[in-house]
């Protein structure tokens, strides 16, 4: 039976990736004098991948990668005014209003009555704290964790600190790589709630996740019925 439910924040409770995608499109437009959009996208992807170990996740890391991409693509010729525009793109992302996905508040209210809820999100600490506060959702959670990475070690520590067996722990989120596969590695349960846009660094094989026991939901509104069914099932049930 499930006792603890952890939920992702970005693109599970509130919209996020759409803003990054729009900033990437704007970057490509700014750098058109030096390279076509596809080249800019590919260079940004490579730059982000190389910078993740040093800068981590979030808007600030993304902005630094956009600036570095602009310098590289232009061969160092990008003017200061364009760099200022790129920095402004990042600042706009940091201060964008938090927009909840449909049905989120109702789902959390239902779940909070029967389960211990954990908000598990990753990214820049200051930005994530602001989004959580602005979302108005903190009151529904028994615990909030902001981490630098969501891997098996992170989930192992969380499950151990919650003092539950892995099959009694359910993680729900939009990222296969961060929200679904690591909990499954530990024998916990996972629900995949796909979002309209998925960051390329978070993509994985959905068929593999389902084969390993992940449940695919159309929206967060479907999580309370799933949790209720799992809570009533023997621990050996899928």
Protein backbone atom coordinates (compact mmCIF):
# COMPACT_ATOMS: atom_id res chain seq x y z
CA UNK A 1 0.00 0.00 0.00
CA UNK A 2 1.14 3.56 -0.71
CA UNK A 3 1.66 5.91 2.24
CA UNK A 4 3.91 8.69 0.93
CA UNK A 5 3.41 10.55 -2.35
CA UNK A 6 6.10 12.86 -3.73
CA UNK A 7 5.35 15.30 -6.53
CA UNK A 8 7.55 17.26 -8.89
CA UNK A 9 7.05 21.02 -9.22
CA UNK A 10 8.02 22.37 -12.66
CA UNK A 11 5.62 21.23 -15.39
CA UNK A 12 3.82 18.94 -12.95
CA UNK A 13 2.22 21.50 -10.63
CA UNK A 14 2.96 24.70 -12.55
CA UNK A 15 4.04 25.63 -16.09
CA UNK A 16 7.77 26.08 -16.66
CA UNK A 17 9.34 24.61 -19.80
CA UNK A 18 7.29 26.72 -22.19
CA UNK A 19 9.12 29.82 -20.98
CA UNK A 20 12.51 28.21 -21.59
CA UNK A 21 11.43 27.18 -25.08
CA UNK A 22 10.34 30.73 -25.89
CA UNK A 23 13.65 32.10 -24.61
CA UNK A 24 15.52 29.61 -26.79
CA UNK A 25 13.56 30.77 -29.83
CA UNK A 26 14.35 34.39 -29.02
CA UNK A 27 18.04 33.51 -28.67
CA UNK A 28 18.02 31.90 -32.11
CA UNK A 29 16.45 35.05 -33.56
CA UNK A 30 19.09 37.25 -31.95
CA UNK A 31 21.89 35.12 -33.37
CA UNK A 32 20.52 34.83 -36.92
CA UNK A 33 23.26 37.15 -38.27
CA UNK A 34 25.78 34.40 -37.43
CA UNK A 35 23.95 31.06 -37.62
CA UNK A 36 20.59 29.50 -38.55
CA UNK A 37 18.18 28.60 -35.72
CA UNK A 38 18.90 24.86 -35.88
CA UNK A 39 22.62 25.48 -35.41
CA UNK A 40 21.92 27.75 -32.44
CA UNK A 41 19.63 25.12 -30.89
CA UNK A 42 22.24 22.41 -31.30
CA UNK A 43 25.01 24.57 -29.89
CA UNK A 44 22.86 25.59 -26.91
CA UNK A 45 22.09 21.94 -26.20
CA UNK A 46 25.78 21.02 -26.24
CA UNK A 47 26.67 23.99 -24.07
CA UNK A 48 23.97 23.17 -21.51
CA UNK A 49 25.11 19.54 -21.40
CA UNK A 50 28.71 20.58 -20.78
CA UNK A 51 27.69 23.11 -18.11
CA UNK A 52 25.29 20.96 -16.09
CA UNK A 53 28.01 19.50 -13.82
CA UNK A 54 29.25 23.01 -13.00
CA UNK A 55 26.12 25.18 -13.07
CA UNK A 56 23.37 22.67 -12.36
CA UNK A 57 19.74 23.32 -13.34
CA UNK A 58 17.57 26.39 -13.44
CA UNK A 59 17.22 29.79 -15.08
CA UNK A 60 20.60 31.13 -14.02
CA UNK A 61 22.44 28.17 -15.50
CA UNK A 62 20.33 28.42 -18.65
CA UNK A 63 21.11 32.13 -19.00
CA UNK A 64 24.86 31.53 -18.65
CA UNK A 65 24.63 28.84 -21.32
CA UNK A 66 22.74 31.21 -23.64
CA UNK A 67 25.46 33.86 -23.22
CA UNK A 68 28.22 31.33 -23.84
CA UNK A 69 26.40 30.06 -26.91
CA UNK A 70 26.09 33.59 -28.28
CA UNK A 71 29.81 34.21 -27.86
CA UNK A 72 30.75 30.92 -29.50
CA UNK A 73 28.29 31.11 -32.40
CA UNK A 74 29.31 34.68 -33.23
CA UNK A 75 33.01 33.99 -32.90
CA UNK A 76 33.17 36.58 -30.14
CA UNK A 77 31.54 39.27 -32.28
CA UNK A 78 28.18 39.42 -30.48
CA UNK A 79 27.65 43.03 -29.30
CA UNK A 80 27.13 43.98 -25.68
CA UNK A 81 23.58 45.09 -26.48
CA UNK A 82 22.70 41.56 -27.59
CA UNK A 83 24.26 40.08 -24.45
CA UNK A 84 22.11 42.49 -22.45
CA UNK A 85 19.02 41.21 -24.27
CA UNK A 86 19.96 37.63 -23.44
CA UNK A 87 20.40 38.50 -19.77
CA UNK A 88 16.99 40.18 -19.89
CA UNK A 89 15.50 36.94 -21.20
CA UNK A 90 16.84 35.16 -18.14
CA UNK A 91 15.60 37.85 -15.79
CA UNK A 92 12.14 37.63 -17.31
CA UNK A 93 12.09 33.88 -16.67
CA UNK A 94 13.09 34.41 -13.05
CA UNK A 95 10.25 36.85 -12.47
CA UNK A 96 7.56 35.19 -14.57
CA UNK A 97 4.31 34.64 -12.66
CA UNK A 98 3.57 31.11 -11.46
CA UNK A 99 0.72 29.57 -13.45
CA UNK A 100 -0.73 26.35 -12.03
CA UNK A 101 -1.75 23.49 -14.28
CA UNK A 102 -5.47 22.77 -14.43
CA UNK A 103 -6.86 20.78 -11.52
CA UNK A 104 -3.69 20.86 -9.42
CA UNK A 105 -5.13 22.47 -6.31
CA UNK A 106 -8.16 20.17 -6.25
CA UNK A 107 -5.96 17.08 -6.66
CA UNK A 108 -3.66 18.13 -3.82
CA UNK A 109 -6.58 18.84 -1.52
CA UNK A 110 -7.90 15.34 -2.15
CA UNK A 111 -4.53 13.65 -1.68
CA UNK A 112 -3.60 15.59 1.47
CA UNK A 113 -6.50 14.06 3.35
CA UNK A 114 -5.19 10.50 3.01
CA UNK A 115 -1.46 10.60 2.28
CA UNK A 116 1.72 12.23 3.44
CA UNK A 117 2.73 14.60 0.62
CA UNK A 118 6.27 15.66 -0.31
CA UNK A 119 7.14 18.33 -2.87
CA UNK A 120 10.39 17.24 -4.50
CA UNK A 121 11.77 19.73 -7.00
CA UNK A 122 15.18 20.56 -8.40
CA UNK A 123 16.83 23.70 -9.71
CA UNK A 124 18.05 27.02 -8.38
CA UNK A 125 17.24 27.25 -4.65
CA UNK A 126 16.13 30.91 -4.60
CA UNK A 127 13.99 30.59 -7.72
CA UNK A 128 12.35 27.35 -6.60
CA UNK A 129 11.59 28.83 -3.18
CA UNK A 130 9.94 31.83 -4.83
CA UNK A 131 7.85 29.65 -7.14
CA UNK A 132 6.71 27.45 -4.28
CA UNK A 133 5.71 30.51 -2.24
CA UNK A 134 3.96 32.19 -5.17
CA UNK A 135 2.13 28.99 -6.11
CA UNK A 136 0.19 28.98 -2.86
CA UNK A 137 0.53 25.19 -2.70
CA UNK A 138 2.98 24.83 0.20
CA UNK A 139 0.20 24.33 2.74
CA UNK A 140 -0.79 21.07 1.07
CA UNK A 141 2.62 19.48 1.63
CA UNK A 142 4.03 17.88 4.76
CA UNK A 143 7.56 18.36 3.47
CA UNK A 144 9.34 20.37 0.77
CA UNK A 145 12.70 19.30 -0.69
CA UNK A 146 14.68 21.35 -3.23
CA UNK A 147 17.56 19.28 -4.58
CA UNK A 148 20.34 19.73 -7.12
CA UNK A 149 19.65 16.38 -8.80
CA UNK A 150 16.96 13.70 -8.76
CA UNK A 151 18.83 10.42 -9.02
CA UNK A 152 18.58 7.09 -7.23
CA UNK A 153 20.75 8.36 -4.37
CA UNK A 154 18.40 11.31 -3.80
CA UNK A 155 15.33 9.07 -3.75
CA UNK A 156 17.05 6.52 -1.51
CA UNK A 157 17.79 9.24 1.05
CA UNK A 158 14.24 10.60 0.84
CA UNK A 159 12.59 7.20 1.22
CA UNK A 160 14.86 6.31 4.13
CA UNK A 161 14.14 9.61 5.89
CA UNK A 162 10.41 8.99 5.46
CA UNK A 163 10.87 5.60 7.12
CA UNK A 164 8.74 3.74 4.57
CA UNK A 165 9.45 0.71 2.43
CA UNK A 166 10.08 1.58 -1.21
CA UNK A 167 6.80 0.04 -2.49
CA UNK A 168 4.90 2.38 -0.15
CA UNK A 169 6.43 5.42 -1.87
CA UNK A 170 4.93 6.92 -5.05
CA UNK A 171 6.59 9.63 -7.14
CA UNK A 172 4.60 11.59 -9.71
CA UNK A 173 6.03 13.96 -12.29
CA UNK A 174 6.51 14.87 -15.93
CA UNK A 175 10.16 13.85 -16.34
CA UNK A 176 10.94 10.23 -17.14
CA UNK A 177 14.62 10.72 -16.37
CA UNK A 178 14.15 12.50 -13.05
CA UNK A 179 10.70 11.57 -11.72
CA UNK A 180 10.04 8.06 -12.99
CA UNK A 181 13.08 5.89 -13.68
CA UNK A 182 15.08 6.55 -10.47
CA UNK A 183 12.22 5.59 -8.10
CA UNK A 184 11.58 2.46 -10.15
CA UNK A 185 15.26 1.53 -9.75
CA UNK A 186 14.64 1.37 -6.00
CA UNK A 187 11.44 -0.65 -6.17
CA UNK A 188 9.23 2.37 -5.49
CA UNK A 189 6.23 3.33 -7.58
CA UNK A 190 6.09 6.05 -10.22
CA UNK A 191 3.41 7.90 -12.17
CA UNK A 192 4.37 9.70 -15.38
CA UNK A 193 2.29 12.79 -16.16
CA UNK A 194 3.59 13.99 -19.56
CA UNK A 195 3.77 17.73 -20.20
CA UNK A 196 3.27 19.37 -23.59
CA UNK A 197 6.96 20.32 -23.83
CA UNK A 198 9.79 18.20 -22.45
CA UNK A 199 13.30 19.54 -21.98
CA UNK A 200 15.63 17.46 -24.12
CA UNK A 201 17.86 16.68 -21.12
CA UNK A 202 14.91 15.05 -19.32
CA UNK A 203 13.80 12.75 -22.12
CA UNK A 204 13.94 8.95 -21.88
CA UNK A 205 12.17 5.96 -23.38
CA UNK A 206 8.50 5.93 -22.25
CA UNK A 207 8.07 2.31 -23.29
CA UNK A 208 10.85 1.28 -20.92
CA UNK A 209 9.20 3.14 -18.05
CA UNK A 210 5.86 1.43 -18.64
CA UNK A 211 7.55 -1.95 -18.98
CA UNK A 212 9.15 -1.41 -15.60
CA UNK A 213 5.85 -0.56 -13.94
CA UNK A 214 5.29 3.15 -14.39
CA UNK A 215 1.69 4.32 -14.73
CA UNK A 216 0.95 7.00 -17.33
CA UNK A 217 -1.64 9.61 -16.36
CA UNK A 218 -3.32 12.21 -18.51
CA UNK A 219 -3.25 14.86 -15.78
CA UNK A 220 -2.72 15.29 -12.07
CA UNK A 221 -6.48 14.91 -11.60
CA UNK A 222 -5.99 11.18 -12.25
CA UNK A 223 -3.48 10.79 -9.41
CA UNK A 224 -5.93 10.63 -6.44
CA UNK A 225 -7.86 7.65 -7.88
CA UNK A 226 -4.58 5.88 -8.67
CA UNK A 227 -3.22 6.56 -5.18
CA UNK A 228 -6.42 5.29 -3.58
CA UNK A 229 -6.25 2.09 -5.61
CA UNK A 230 -2.59 1.54 -4.76
CA UNK A 231 -3.19 2.29 -1.08
CA UNK A 232 -5.75 -0.52 -0.95
CA UNK A 233 -3.59 -3.01 -2.85
CA UNK A 234 -1.09 -5.48 -1.37
CA UNK A 235 2.51 -4.27 -1.55
CA UNK A 236 3.26 -6.85 -4.21
CA UNK A 237 0.61 -5.45 -6.57
CA UNK A 238 1.59 -3.19 -9.47
